[in-house]
């Protein structure tokens, strides 16, 4: 997988596509996941599976075979009592890759 990832999860096009794909082939890869916008204007080597994606979710689905959904803690259904219990026990809650504690 190669491409530039934006803050909202979009996969942006990059330069030197030919070099990147040839290097992947040389390293033994047979499948390349890349920005869909970069698919035009070059000829891919025979025997390589080229998959164009627009978002990180599409890239993960192409790589893993299933969709990965990450739900921020702010969207999880949790009532006030559960949050207070966690805070009393100091159970960490992961949100956006960091650990924090909910306070009552």
Protein backbone atom coordinates (compact mmCIF):
# COMPACT_ATOMS: atom_id res chain seq x y z
CA UNK A 1 0.00 0.00 0.00
CA UNK A 2 1.28 3.42 -0.82
CA UNK A 3 -0.21 6.89 -1.06
CA UNK A 4 -0.62 9.99 1.04
CA UNK A 5 -3.27 9.82 3.75
CA UNK A 6 -5.27 12.94 4.62
CA UNK A 7 -6.69 13.82 8.02
CA UNK A 8 -10.17 12.68 7.03
CA UNK A 9 -8.95 9.29 5.80
CA UNK A 10 -8.75 10.03 2.10
CA UNK A 11 -5.91 8.41 0.14
CA UNK A 12 -4.24 10.98 -2.14
CA UNK A 13 -2.18 10.42 -5.25
CA UNK A 14 1.61 10.38 -5.16
CA UNK A 15 4.41 10.69 -7.72
CA UNK A 16 6.82 8.08 -9.17
CA UNK A 17 4.18 5.34 -9.43
CA UNK A 18 6.29 3.28 -11.87
CA UNK A 19 9.24 3.19 -9.47
CA UNK A 20 7.11 2.27 -6.47
CA UNK A 21 5.33 -0.59 -8.24
CA UNK A 22 8.57 -1.94 -9.76
CA UNK A 23 10.21 -1.89 -6.32
CA UNK A 24 7.24 -3.73 -4.80
CA UNK A 25 7.47 -6.33 -7.57
CA UNK A 26 11.22 -6.70 -7.00
CA UNK A 27 10.55 -7.32 -3.30
CA UNK A 28 8.14 -10.13 -4.18
CA UNK A 29 4.78 -8.41 -3.80
CA UNK A 30 2.08 -9.47 -6.26
CA UNK A 31 -0.63 -7.06 -5.12
CA UNK A 32 -0.39 -3.27 -4.83
CA UNK A 33 -2.98 -1.08 -3.12
CA UNK A 34 -2.61 2.51 -4.26
CA UNK A 35 -4.56 5.75 -4.74
CA UNK A 36 -7.22 5.41 -7.42
CA UNK A 37 -6.23 8.83 -8.74
CA UNK A 38 -2.78 7.46 -9.58
CA UNK A 39 -4.04 4.57 -11.74
CA UNK A 40 -4.03 6.57 -14.99
CA UNK A 41 -1.04 7.41 -17.15
CA UNK A 42 1.22 4.39 -16.65
CA UNK A 43 1.33 0.72 -17.56
CA UNK A 44 1.44 -1.77 -14.72
CA UNK A 45 3.62 -4.87 -14.98
CA UNK A 46 1.93 -8.14 -15.97
CA UNK A 47 1.20 -10.44 -13.09
CA UNK A 48 0.68 -7.61 -10.59
CA UNK A 49 -2.78 -7.06 -9.09
CA UNK A 50 -3.35 -3.31 -8.84
CA UNK A 51 -6.15 -2.09 -6.55
CA UNK A 52 -7.17 1.57 -6.54
CA UNK A 53 -8.67 3.03 -3.36
CA UNK A 54 -10.01 6.42 -2.27
CA UNK A 55 -10.10 5.97 1.51
CA UNK A 56 -8.17 4.21 4.28
CA UNK A 57 -11.27 2.08 4.95
CA UNK A 58 -11.22 0.86 1.33
CA UNK A 59 -7.49 0.10 1.63
CA UNK A 60 -8.02 -1.92 4.81
CA UNK A 61 -10.88 -3.81 3.22
CA UNK A 62 -8.72 -4.59 0.17
CA UNK A 63 -5.80 -5.69 2.35
CA UNK A 64 -7.68 -7.66 5.00
CA UNK A 65 -10.75 -8.80 3.11
CA UNK A 66 -13.19 -7.17 5.51
CA UNK A 67 -14.13 -3.66 6.57
CA UNK A 68 -12.55 -2.27 9.74
CA UNK A 69 -14.64 0.24 11.67
CA UNK A 70 -13.07 2.27 14.44
CA UNK A 71 -15.58 4.02 16.61
CA UNK A 72 -14.40 6.95 18.73
CA UNK A 73 -15.20 6.70 22.42
CA UNK A 74 -17.43 9.79 22.09
CA UNK A 75 -19.81 7.80 19.87
CA UNK A 76 -20.01 4.72 22.05
CA UNK A 77 -23.21 4.30 23.99
CA UNK A 78 -22.37 4.60 27.62
CA UNK A 79 -24.50 6.11 30.35
CA UNK A 80 -23.35 8.50 33.07
CA UNK A 81 -23.31 5.79 35.74
CA UNK A 82 -20.99 3.58 33.68
CA UNK A 83 -18.63 6.52 33.09
CA UNK A 84 -18.55 7.33 36.83
CA UNK A 85 -17.82 3.67 37.67
CA UNK A 86 -14.91 3.62 35.21
CA UNK A 87 -13.53 6.85 36.62
CA UNK A 88 -13.74 5.51 40.19
CA UNK A 89 -11.86 2.36 39.15
CA UNK A 90 -9.49 4.42 36.93
CA UNK A 91 -10.17 2.24 33.91
CA UNK A 92 -8.57 3.83 30.88
CA UNK A 93 -10.70 4.63 27.87
CA UNK A 94 -8.93 4.70 24.50
CA UNK A 95 -9.90 7.58 22.25
CA UNK A 96 -8.07 8.42 19.04
CA UNK A 97 -5.02 6.40 20.03
CA UNK A 98 -4.50 8.00 23.43
CA UNK A 99 -5.47 6.87 26.89
CA UNK A 100 -7.59 9.11 29.05
CA UNK A 101 -9.87 8.87 32.02
CA UNK A 102 -13.47 10.00 32.23
CA UNK A 103 -14.18 12.03 35.33
CA UNK A 104 -17.60 12.20 36.99
